[in-house]
Amino acid sequence: MRHDDLESALRVFDLGERATLKEIKARYRELARKHHPDGGNGGDTEEIYRVIEANRVIMDYVDSYRYCFSEREYLEQDPEERLRRRFMDDPLWGKR
């Protein structure tokens, strides 16, 4: 897989650079329902194939992703904790 493939798949899903697995799965279900030929609205066979292929590319990437458990990455993922650590000991914002 190339990065271009991943970017193309993200465009099909209309996702940004960061998304949770829950958001990816929800978006796939939404698009599959919308474009599936048995969905009641006639569907779009070509579009459902694009959605399925985009899902395959994204899931291949997610399955092989190596998660980073460093403190730096943790604080990047949890901005509330980052702010708490930065300002909690400050007399103006945190403890007195």
PDB file of N, CA and C in Angstrom:
ATOM      1  N   MET A   1       0.850  -1.169   0.000  1.00  0.00           N
ATOM      2  CA  MET A   1       0.000   0.000   0.000  1.00  0.00           C
ATOM      3  C   MET A   1       0.899   1.236   0.000  1.00  0.00           C
ATOM      4  N   ARG A   2       0.517   2.219  -0.774  1.00  0.00           N
ATOM      5  CA  ARG A   2       1.211   3.502  -0.792  1.00  0.00           C
ATOM      6  C   ARG A   2       0.391   4.527  -0.003  1.00  0.00           C
ATOM      7  N   HIS A   3       1.051   5.607   0.379  1.00  0.00           N
ATOM      8  CA  HIS A   3       0.340   6.650   1.125  1.00  0.00           C
ATOM      9  C   HIS A   3      -0.761   7.270   0.268  1.00  0.00           C
ATOM     10  N   ASP A   4      -0.555   7.348  -1.039  1.00  0.00           N
ATOM     11  CA  ASP A   4      -1.586   7.867  -1.943  1.00  0.00           C
ATOM     12  C   ASP A   4      -2.863   7.033  -1.858  1.00  0.00           C
ATOM     13  N   ASP A   5      -2.699   5.709  -1.732  1.00  0.00           N
ATOM     14  CA  ASP A   5      -3.856   4.819  -1.593  1.00  0.00           C
ATOM     15  C   ASP A   5      -4.632   5.146  -0.317  1.00  0.00           C
ATOM     16  N   LEU A   6      -3.890   5.369   0.758  1.00  0.00           N
ATOM     17  CA  LEU A   6      -4.524   5.691   2.036  1.00  0.00           C
ATOM     18  C   LEU A   6      -5.241   7.039   1.960  1.00  0.00           C
ATOM     19  N   GLU A   7      -4.608   8.025   1.358  1.00  0.00           N
ATOM     20  CA  GLU A   7      -5.248   9.337   1.213  1.00  0.00           C
ATOM     21  C   GLU A   7      -6.514   9.244   0.375  1.00  0.00           C
ATOM     22  N   SER A   8      -6.479   8.462  -0.680  1.00  0.00           N
ATOM     23  CA  SER A   8      -7.649   8.273  -1.533  1.00  0.00           C
ATOM     24  C   SER A   8      -8.786   7.624  -0.743  1.00  0.00           C
ATOM     25  N   ALA A   9      -8.450   6.625   0.049  1.00  0.00           N
ATOM     26  CA  ALA A   9      -9.459   5.950   0.871  1.00  0.00           C
ATOM     27  C   ALA A   9     -10.062   6.912   1.887  1.00  0.00           C
ATOM     28  N   LEU A  10      -9.241   7.756   2.477  1.00  0.00           N
ATOM     29  CA  LEU A  10      -9.743   8.736   3.443  1.00  0.00           C
ATOM     30  C   LEU A  10     -10.670   9.744   2.773  1.00  0.00           C
ATOM     31  N   ARG A  11     -10.386  10.087   1.513  1.00  0.00           N
ATOM     32  CA  ARG A  11     -11.281  10.992   0.785  1.00  0.00           C
ATOM     33  C   ARG A  11     -12.635  10.327   0.531  1.00  0.00           C
ATOM     34  N   VAL A  12     -12.629   9.041   0.184  1.00  0.00           N
ATOM     35  CA  VAL A  12     -13.896   8.320  -0.015  1.00  0.00           C
ATOM     36  C   VAL A  12     -14.709   8.342   1.275  1.00  0.00           C
ATOM     37  N   PHE A  13     -14.027   8.155   2.411  1.00  0.00           N
ATOM     38  CA  PHE A  13     -14.701   8.137   3.712  1.00  0.00           C
ATOM     39  C   PHE A  13     -14.941   9.540   4.255  1.00  0.00           C
ATOM     40  N   ASP A  14     -14.363  10.548   3.611  1.00  0.00           N
ATOM     41  CA  ASP A  14     -14.451  11.937   4.062  1.00  0.00           C
ATOM     42  C   ASP A  14     -13.968  12.071   5.513  1.00  0.00           C
ATOM     43  N   LEU A  15     -12.781  11.488   5.760  1.00  0.00           N
ATOM     44  CA  LEU A  15     -12.163  11.548   7.078  1.00  0.00           C
ATOM     45  C   LEU A  15     -10.918  12.413   7.018  1.00  0.00           C
ATOM     46  N   GLY A  16     -10.571  13.019   8.138  1.00  0.00           N
ATOM     47  CA  GLY A  16      -9.366  13.822   8.228  1.00  0.00           C
ATOM     48  C   GLY A  16      -8.165  12.950   8.555  1.00  0.00           C
ATOM     49  N   GLU A  17      -7.094  13.604   8.979  1.00  0.00           N
ATOM     50  CA  GLU A  17      -5.865  12.872   9.287  1.00  0.00           C
ATOM     51  C   GLU A  17      -5.974  12.038  10.553  1.00  0.00           C
ATOM     52  N   ARG A  18      -6.848  12.409  11.464  1.00  0.00           N
ATOM     53  CA  ARG A  18      -7.012  11.655  12.703  1.00  0.00           C
ATOM     54  C   ARG A  18      -8.457  11.189  12.830  1.00  0.00           C
ATOM     55  N   ALA A  19      -8.615   9.911  13.094  1.00  0.00           N
ATOM     56  CA  ALA A  19      -9.943   9.346  13.305  1.00  0.00           C
ATOM     57  C   ALA A  19      -9.798   8.141  14.218  1.00  0.00           C
ATOM     58  N   THR A  20     -10.788   7.923  15.044  1.00  0.00           N
ATOM     59  CA  THR A  20     -10.771   6.741  15.893  1.00  0.00           C
ATOM     60  C   THR A  20     -11.292   5.553  15.098  1.00  0.00           C
ATOM     61  N   LEU A  21     -11.011   4.368  15.585  1.00  0.00           N
ATOM     62  CA  LEU A  21     -11.526   3.161  14.939  1.00  0.00           C
ATOM     63  C   LEU A  21     -13.052   3.181  14.953  1.00  0.00           C
ATOM     64  N   LYS A  22     -13.621   3.675  16.020  1.00  0.00           N
ATOM     65  CA  LYS A  22     -15.074   3.778  16.125  1.00  0.00           C
ATOM     66  C   LYS A  22     -15.641   4.691  15.026  1.00  0.00           C
ATOM     67  N   GLU A  23     -14.973   5.823  14.775  1.00  0.00           N
ATOM     68  CA  GLU A  23     -15.418   6.744  13.723  1.00  0.00           C
ATOM     69  C   GLU A  23     -15.281   6.114  12.340  1.00  0.00           C
ATOM     70  N   ILE A  24     -14.203   5.373  12.120  1.00  0.00           N
ATOM     71  CA  ILE A  24     -13.990   4.712  10.827  1.00  0.00           C
ATOM     72  C   ILE A  24     -15.089   3.688  10.577  1.00  0.00           C
ATOM     73  N   LYS A  25     -15.363   2.864  11.575  1.00  0.00           N
ATOM     74  CA  LYS A  25     -16.396   1.832  11.410  1.00  0.00           C
ATOM     75  C   LYS A  25     -17.774   2.440  11.215  1.00  0.00           C
ATOM     76  N   ALA A  26     -18.085   3.501  11.949  1.00  0.00           N
ATOM     77  CA  ALA A  26     -19.387   4.157  11.807  1.00  0.00           C
ATOM     78  C   ALA A  26     -19.538   4.754  10.415  1.00  0.00           C
ATOM     79  N   ARG A  27     -18.481   5.359   9.903  1.00  0.00           N
ATOM     80  CA  ARG A  27     -18.528   5.960   8.573  1.00  0.00           C
ATOM     81  C   ARG A  27     -18.696   4.887   7.505  1.00  0.00           C
ATOM     82  N   TYR A  28     -18.015   3.743   7.672  1.00  0.00           N
ATOM     83  CA  TYR A  28     -18.176   2.637   6.720  1.00  0.00           C
ATOM     84  C   TYR A  28     -19.621   2.150   6.698  1.00  0.00           C
ATOM     85  N   ARG A  29     -20.208   1.945   7.879  1.00  0.00           N
ATOM     86  CA  ARG A  29     -21.604   1.486   7.935  1.00  0.00           C
ATOM     87  C   ARG A  29     -22.542   2.486   7.264  1.00  0.00           C
ATOM     88  N   GLU A  30     -22.301   3.768   7.520  1.00  0.00           N
ATOM     89  CA  GLU A  30     -23.139   4.814   6.927  1.00  0.00           C
ATOM     90  C   GLU A  30     -23.045   4.804   5.399  1.00  0.00           C
ATOM     91  N   LEU A  31     -21.834   4.732   4.886  1.00  0.00           N
ATOM     92  CA  LEU A  31     -21.645   4.727   3.434  1.00  0.00           C
ATOM     93  C   LEU A  31     -22.161   3.439   2.796  1.00  0.00           C
ATOM     94  N   ALA A  32     -21.958   2.320   3.468  1.00  0.00           N
ATOM     95  CA  ALA A  32     -22.439   1.041   2.934  1.00  0.00           C
ATOM     96  C   ALA A  32     -23.963   1.045   2.843  1.00  0.00           C
ATOM     97  N   ARG A  33     -24.626   1.550   3.880  1.00  0.00           N
ATOM     98  CA  ARG A  33     -26.087   1.640   3.845  1.00  0.00           C
ATOM     99  C   ARG A  33     -26.555   2.559   2.718  1.00  0.00           C
ATOM    100  N   LYS A  34     -25.868   3.659   2.556  1.00  0.00           N
ATOM    101  CA  LYS A  34     -26.259   4.655   1.557  1.00  0.00           C
ATOM    102  C   LYS A  34     -26.117   4.135   0.126  1.00  0.00           C
ATOM    103  N   HIS A  35     -25.059   3.390  -0.142  1.00  0.00           N
ATOM    104  CA  HIS A  35     -24.750   3.008  -1.529  1.00  0.00           C
ATOM    105  C   HIS A  35     -25.054   1.550  -1.876  1.00  0.00           C
ATOM    106  N   HIS A  36     -25.444   0.740  -0.915  1.00  0.00           N
ATOM    107  CA  HIS A  36     -25.695  -0.672  -1.203  1.00  0.00           C
ATOM    108  C   HIS A  36     -26.919  -0.823  -2.097  1.00  0.00           C
ATOM    109  N   PRO A  37     -26.841  -1.675  -3.122  1.00  0.00           N
ATOM    110  CA  PRO A  37     -27.963  -1.854  -4.054  1.00  0.00           C
ATOM    111  C   PRO A  37     -29.246  -2.349  -3.381  1.00  0.00           C
ATOM    112  N   ASP A  38     -29.125  -3.046  -2.273  1.00  0.00           N
ATOM    113  CA  ASP A  38     -30.315  -3.555  -1.585  1.00  0.00           C
ATOM    114  C   ASP A  38     -30.842  -2.560  -0.550  1.00  0.00           C
ATOM    115  N   GLY A  39     -30.329  -1.356  -0.546  1.00  0.00           N
ATOM    116  CA  GLY A  39     -30.677  -0.377   0.474  1.00  0.00           C
ATOM    117  C   GLY A  39     -32.004   0.314   0.278  1.00  0.00           C
ATOM    118  N   GLY A  40     -32.726   0.020  -0.760  1.00  0.00           N
ATOM    119  CA  GLY A  40     -34.030   0.625  -0.945  1.00  0.00           C
ATOM    120  C   GLY A  40     -34.009   1.841  -1.877  1.00  0.00           C
ATOM    121  N   ASN A  41     -32.881   2.524  -1.938  1.00  0.00           N
ATOM    122  CA  ASN A  41     -32.803   3.696  -2.806  1.00  0.00           C
ATOM    123  C   ASN A  41     -32.132   3.360  -4.137  1.00  0.00           C
ATOM    124  N   GLY A  42     -32.016   2.081  -4.427  1.00  0.00           N
ATOM    125  CA  GLY A  42     -31.407   1.658  -5.683  1.00  0.00           C
ATOM    126  C   GLY A  42     -29.914   1.477  -5.593  1.00  0.00           C
ATOM    127  N   GLY A  43     -29.283   2.265  -4.753  1.00  0.00           N
ATOM    128  CA  GLY A  43     -27.844   2.125  -4.546  1.00  0.00           C
ATOM    129  C   GLY A  43     -27.029   2.479  -5.771  1.00  0.00           C
ATOM    130  N   ASP A  44     -25.754   2.387  -5.597  1.00  0.00           N
ATOM    131  CA  ASP A  44     -24.810   2.690  -6.665  1.00  0.00           C
ATOM    132  C   ASP A  44     -23.719   1.630  -6.601  1.00  0.00           C
ATOM    133  N   THR A  45     -23.778   0.667  -7.524  1.00  0.00           N
ATOM    134  CA  THR A  45     -22.864  -0.469  -7.507  1.00  0.00           C
ATOM    135  C   THR A  45     -21.407  -0.025  -7.572  1.00  0.00           C
ATOM    136  N   GLU A  46     -21.116   0.932  -8.435  1.00  0.00           N
ATOM    137  CA  GLU A  46     -19.735   1.404  -8.567  1.00  0.00           C
ATOM    138  C   GLU A  46     -19.259   2.076  -7.273  1.00  0.00           C
ATOM    139  N   GLU A  47     -20.137   2.836  -6.669  1.00  0.00           N
ATOM    140  CA  GLU A  47     -19.763   3.546  -5.433  1.00  0.00           C
ATOM    141  C   GLU A  47     -19.585   2.575  -4.265  1.00  0.00           C
ATOM    142  N   ILE A  48     -20.416   1.536  -4.174  1.00  0.00           N
ATOM    143  CA  ILE A  48     -20.259   0.581  -3.077  1.00  0.00           C
ATOM    144  C   ILE A  48     -18.928  -0.146  -3.205  1.00  0.00           C
ATOM    145  N   TYR A  49     -18.488  -0.408  -4.438  1.00  0.00           N
ATOM    146  CA  TYR A  49     -17.171  -1.031  -4.629  1.00  0.00           C
ATOM    147  C   TYR A  49     -16.055  -0.091  -4.172  1.00  0.00           C
ATOM    148  N   ARG A  50     -16.200   1.204  -4.440  1.00  0.00           N
ATOM    149  CA  ARG A  50     -15.203   2.189  -3.964  1.00  0.00           C
ATOM    150  C   ARG A  50     -15.165   2.223  -2.442  1.00  0.00           C
ATOM    151  N   VAL A  51     -16.333   2.172  -1.802  1.00  0.00           N
ATOM    152  CA  VAL A  51     -16.419   2.190  -0.338  1.00  0.00           C
ATOM    153  C   VAL A  51     -15.774   0.935   0.241  1.00  0.00           C
ATOM    154  N   ILE A  52     -16.070  -0.215  -0.331  1.00  0.00           N
ATOM    155  CA  ILE A  52     -15.509  -1.483   0.160  1.00  0.00           C
ATOM    156  C   ILE A  52     -13.990  -1.483   0.004  1.00  0.00           C
ATOM    157  N   GLU A  53     -13.502  -1.022  -1.132  1.00  0.00           N
ATOM    158  CA  GLU A  53     -12.057  -0.978  -1.357  1.00  0.00           C
ATOM    159  C   GLU A  53     -11.389   0.028  -0.415  1.00  0.00           C
ATOM    160  N   ALA A  54     -12.013   1.170  -0.207  1.00  0.00           N
ATOM    161  CA  ALA A  54     -11.468   2.159   0.724  1.00  0.00           C
ATOM    162  C   ALA A  54     -11.414   1.581   2.131  1.00  0.00           C
ATOM    163  N   ASN A  55     -12.444   0.861   2.524  1.00  0.00           N
ATOM    164  CA  ASN A  55     -12.463   0.231   3.849  1.00  0.00           C
ATOM    165  C   ASN A  55     -11.336  -0.794   3.971  1.00  0.00           C
ATOM    166  N   ARG A  56     -11.100  -1.567   2.915  1.00  0.00           N
ATOM    167  CA  ARG A  56     -10.017  -2.559   2.945  1.00  0.00           C
ATOM    168  C   ARG A  56      -8.667  -1.880   3.150  1.00  0.00           C
ATOM    169  N   VAL A  57      -8.435  -0.796   2.424  1.00  0.00           N
ATOM    170  CA  VAL A  57      -7.163  -0.069   2.542  1.00  0.00           C
ATOM    171  C   VAL A  57      -6.991   0.493   3.945  1.00  0.00           C
ATOM    172  N   ILE A  58      -8.027   1.130   4.462  1.00  0.00           N
ATOM    173  CA  ILE A  58      -7.939   1.729   5.801  1.00  0.00           C
ATOM    174  C   ILE A  58      -7.741   0.654   6.857  1.00  0.00           C
ATOM    175  N   MET A  59      -8.480  -0.435   6.759  1.00  0.00           N
ATOM    176  CA  MET A  59      -8.356  -1.501   7.760  1.00  0.00           C
ATOM    177  C   MET A  59      -6.990  -2.184   7.672  1.00  0.00           C
ATOM    178  N   ASP A  60      -6.450  -2.351   6.476  1.00  0.00           N
ATOM    179  CA  ASP A  60      -5.090  -2.899   6.345  1.00  0.00           C
ATOM    180  C   ASP A  60      -4.096  -2.011   7.078  1.00  0.00           C
ATOM    181  N   TYR A  61      -4.250  -0.715   6.920  1.00  0.00           N
ATOM    182  CA  TYR A  61      -3.356   0.228   7.596  1.00  0.00           C
ATOM    183  C   TYR A  61      -3.551   0.161   9.118  1.00  0.00           C
ATOM    184  N   VAL A  62      -4.788   0.183   9.551  1.00  0.00           N
ATOM    185  CA  VAL A  62      -5.089   0.165  10.989  1.00  0.00           C
ATOM    186  C   VAL A  62      -4.593  -1.137  11.627  1.00  0.00           C
ATOM    187  N   ASP A  63      -4.788  -2.253  10.945  1.00  0.00           N
ATOM    188  CA  ASP A  63      -4.362  -3.545  11.497  1.00  0.00           C
ATOM    189  C   ASP A  63      -2.846  -3.636  11.648  1.00  0.00           C
ATOM    190  N   SER A  64      -2.109  -2.940  10.792  1.00  0.00           N
ATOM    191  CA  SER A  64      -0.649  -3.024  10.874  1.00  0.00           C
ATOM    192  C   SER A  64      -0.031  -1.843  11.619  1.00  0.00           C
ATOM    193  N   TYR A  65      -0.881  -0.942  12.128  1.00  0.00           N
ATOM    194  CA  TYR A  65      -0.382   0.248  12.815  1.00  0.00           C
ATOM    195  C   TYR A  65       0.263  -0.133  14.138  1.00  0.00           C
ATOM    196  N   ARG A  66       1.391   0.461  14.419  1.00  0.00           N
ATOM    197  CA  ARG A  66       2.069   0.241  15.696  1.00  0.00           C
ATOM    198  C   ARG A  66       1.744   1.422  16.595  1.00  0.00           C
ATOM    199  N   TYR A  67       1.022   1.139  17.654  1.00  0.00           N
ATOM    200  CA  TYR A  67       0.598   2.179  18.569  1.00  0.00           C
ATOM    201  C   TYR A  67       1.759   2.675  19.402  1.00  0.00           C
ATOM    202  N   CYS A  68       1.768   3.951  19.633  1.00  0.00           N
ATOM    203  CA  CYS A  68       2.812   4.575  20.440  1.00  0.00           C
ATOM    204  C   CYS A  68       2.220   4.880  21.815  1.00  0.00           C
ATOM    205  N   PHE A  69       2.815   4.326  22.855  1.00  0.00           N
ATOM    206  CA  PHE A  69       2.321   4.526  24.211  1.00  0.00           C
ATOM    207  C   PHE A  69       3.215   5.471  25.005  1.00  0.00           C
ATOM    208  N   SER A  70       3.979   6.288  24.301  1.00  0.00           N
ATOM    209  CA  SER A  70       4.854   7.234  24.987  1.00  0.00           C
ATOM    210  C   SER A  70       4.006   8.304  25.677  1.00  0.00           C
ATOM    211  N   GLU A  71       4.587   8.928  26.660  1.00  0.00           N
ATOM    212  CA  GLU A  71       3.886   9.993  27.377  1.00  0.00           C
ATOM    213  C   GLU A  71       3.565  11.153  26.433  1.00  0.00           C
ATOM    214  N   ARG A  72       4.493  11.476  25.543  1.00  0.00           N
ATOM    215  CA  ARG A  72       4.276  12.550  24.580  1.00  0.00           C
ATOM    216  C   ARG A  72       3.037  12.275  23.719  1.00  0.00           C
ATOM    217  N   GLU A  73       2.929  11.064  23.205  1.00  0.00           N
ATOM    218  CA  GLU A  73       1.773  10.714  22.370  1.00  0.00           C
ATOM    219  C   GLU A  73       0.492  10.678  23.199  1.00  0.00           C
ATOM    220  N   TYR A  74       0.584  10.185  24.425  1.00  0.00           N
ATOM    221  CA  TYR A  74      -0.581  10.157  25.313  1.00  0.00           C
ATOM    222  C   TYR A  74      -1.119  11.572  25.513  1.00  0.00           C
ATOM    223  N   LEU A  75      -0.231  12.517  25.786  1.00  0.00           N
ATOM    224  CA  LEU A  75      -0.652  13.893  26.001  1.00  0.00           C
ATOM    225  C   LEU A  75      -1.185  14.525  24.722  1.00  0.00           C
ATOM    226  N   GLU A  76      -0.688  14.091  23.585  1.00  0.00           N
ATOM    227  CA  GLU A  76      -1.210  14.577  22.301  1.00  0.00           C
ATOM    228  C   GLU A  76      -2.648  14.093  22.100  1.00  0.00           C
ATOM    229  N   GLN A  77      -2.922  12.872  22.515  1.00  0.00           N
ATOM    230  CA  GLN A  77      -4.251  12.288  22.342  1.00  0.00           C
ATOM    231  C   GLN A  77      -5.255  12.757  23.396  1.00  0.00           C
ATOM    232  N   ASP A  78      -4.760  13.246  24.532  1.00  0.00           N
ATOM    233  CA  ASP A  78      -5.631  13.662  25.638  1.00  0.00           C
ATOM    234  C   ASP A  78      -5.297  15.099  26.042  1.00  0.00           C
ATOM    235  N   PRO A  79      -5.837  16.080  25.301  1.00  0.00           N
ATOM    236  CA  PRO A  79      -5.496  17.474  25.568  1.00  0.00           C
ATOM    237  C   PRO A  79      -5.903  17.945  26.966  1.00  0.00           C
ATOM    238  N   GLU A  80      -6.970  17.394  27.529  1.00  0.00           N
ATOM    239  CA  GLU A  80      -7.372  17.780  28.887  1.00  0.00           C
ATOM    240  C   GLU A  80      -6.280  17.441  29.898  1.00  0.00           C
ATOM    241  N   GLU A  81      -5.708  16.255  29.763  1.00  0.00           N
ATOM    242  CA  GLU A  81      -4.627  15.855  30.664  1.00  0.00           C
ATOM    243  C   GLU A  81      -3.402  16.751  30.471  1.00  0.00           C
ATOM    244  N   ARG A  82      -3.117  17.089  29.234  1.00  0.00           N
ATOM    245  CA  ARG A  82      -1.985  17.970  28.946  1.00  0.00           C
ATOM    246  C   ARG A  82      -2.174  19.325  29.633  1.00  0.00           C
ATOM    247  N   LEU A  83      -3.383  19.883  29.536  1.00  0.00           N
ATOM    248  CA  LEU A  83      -3.654  21.169  30.176  1.00  0.00           C
ATOM    249  C   LEU A  83      -3.642  21.051  31.697  1.00  0.00           C
ATOM    250  N   ARG A  84      -4.193  19.959  32.208  1.00  0.00           N
ATOM    251  CA  ARG A  84      -4.202  19.749  33.646  1.00  0.00           C
ATOM    252  C   ARG A  84      -2.779  19.714  34.182  1.00  0.00           C
ATOM    253  N   ARG A  85      -1.913  18.982  33.528  1.00  0.00           N
ATOM    254  CA  ARG A  85      -0.519  18.892  33.968  1.00  0.00           C
ATOM    255  C   ARG A  85       0.192  20.241  33.875  1.00  0.00           C
ATOM    256  N   ARG A  86      -0.160  20.992  32.866  1.00  0.00           N
ATOM    257  CA  ARG A  86       0.532  22.264  32.658  1.00  0.00           C
ATOM    258  C   ARG A  86       0.101  23.330  33.658  1.00  0.00           C
ATOM    259  N   PHE A  87      -1.186  23.357  34.008  1.00  0.00           N
ATOM    260  CA  PHE A  87      -1.695  24.467  34.803  1.00  0.00           C
ATOM    261  C   PHE A  87      -2.200  24.099  36.198  1.00  0.00           C
ATOM    262  N   MET A  88      -2.301  22.827  36.534  1.00  0.00           N
ATOM    263  CA  MET A  88      -2.927  22.439  37.791  1.00  0.00           C
ATOM    264  C   MET A  88      -2.191  22.975  39.013  1.00  0.00           C
ATOM    265  N   ASP A  89      -0.887  23.048  38.972  1.00  0.00           N
ATOM    266  CA  ASP A  89      -0.139  23.536  40.121  1.00  0.00           C
ATOM    267  C   ASP A  89      -0.035  25.055  40.156  1.00  0.00           C
ATOM    268  N   ASP A  90      -0.518  25.711  39.141  1.00  0.00           N
ATOM    269  CA  ASP A  90      -0.498  27.162  39.098  1.00  0.00           C
ATOM    270  C   ASP A  90      -1.559  27.706  40.064  1.00  0.00           C
ATOM    271  N   PRO A  91      -1.204  28.604  40.959  1.00  0.00           N
ATOM    272  CA  PRO A  91      -2.176  29.118  41.938  1.00  0.00           C
ATOM    273  C   PRO A  91      -3.395  29.774  41.289  1.00  0.00           C
ATOM    274  N   LEU A  92      -3.215  30.344  40.115  1.00  0.00           N
ATOM    275  CA  LEU A  92      -4.323  31.002  39.450  1.00  0.00           C
ATOM    276  C   LEU A  92      -5.348  30.001  38.919  1.00  0.00           C
ATOM    277  N   TRP A  93      -4.890  28.847  38.412  1.00  0.00           N
ATOM    278  CA  TRP A  93      -5.782  27.889  37.759  1.00  0.00           C
ATOM    279  C   TRP A  93      -6.057  26.651  38.574  1.00  0.00           C
ATOM    280  N   GLY A  94      -5.111  26.218  39.335  1.00  0.00           N
ATOM    281  CA  GLY A  94      -5.255  24.932  40.006  1.00  0.00           C
ATOM    282  C   GLY A  94      -5.291  25.066  41.509  1.00  0.00           C
ATOM    283  N   LYS A  95      -4.398  24.340  42.152  1.00  0.00           N
ATOM    284  CA  LYS A  95      -4.343  24.301  43.610  1.00  0.00           C
ATOM    285  C   LYS A  95      -3.868  25.627  44.166  1.00  0.00           C
ATOM    286  N   ARG A  96      -4.311  25.911  45.365  1.00  0.00           N
ATOM    287  CA  ARG A  96      -3.889  27.143  46.040  1.00  0.00           C
ATOM    288  C   ARG A  96      -3.062  26.793  47.241  1.00  0.00           C
TER     289      ARG A  96
END
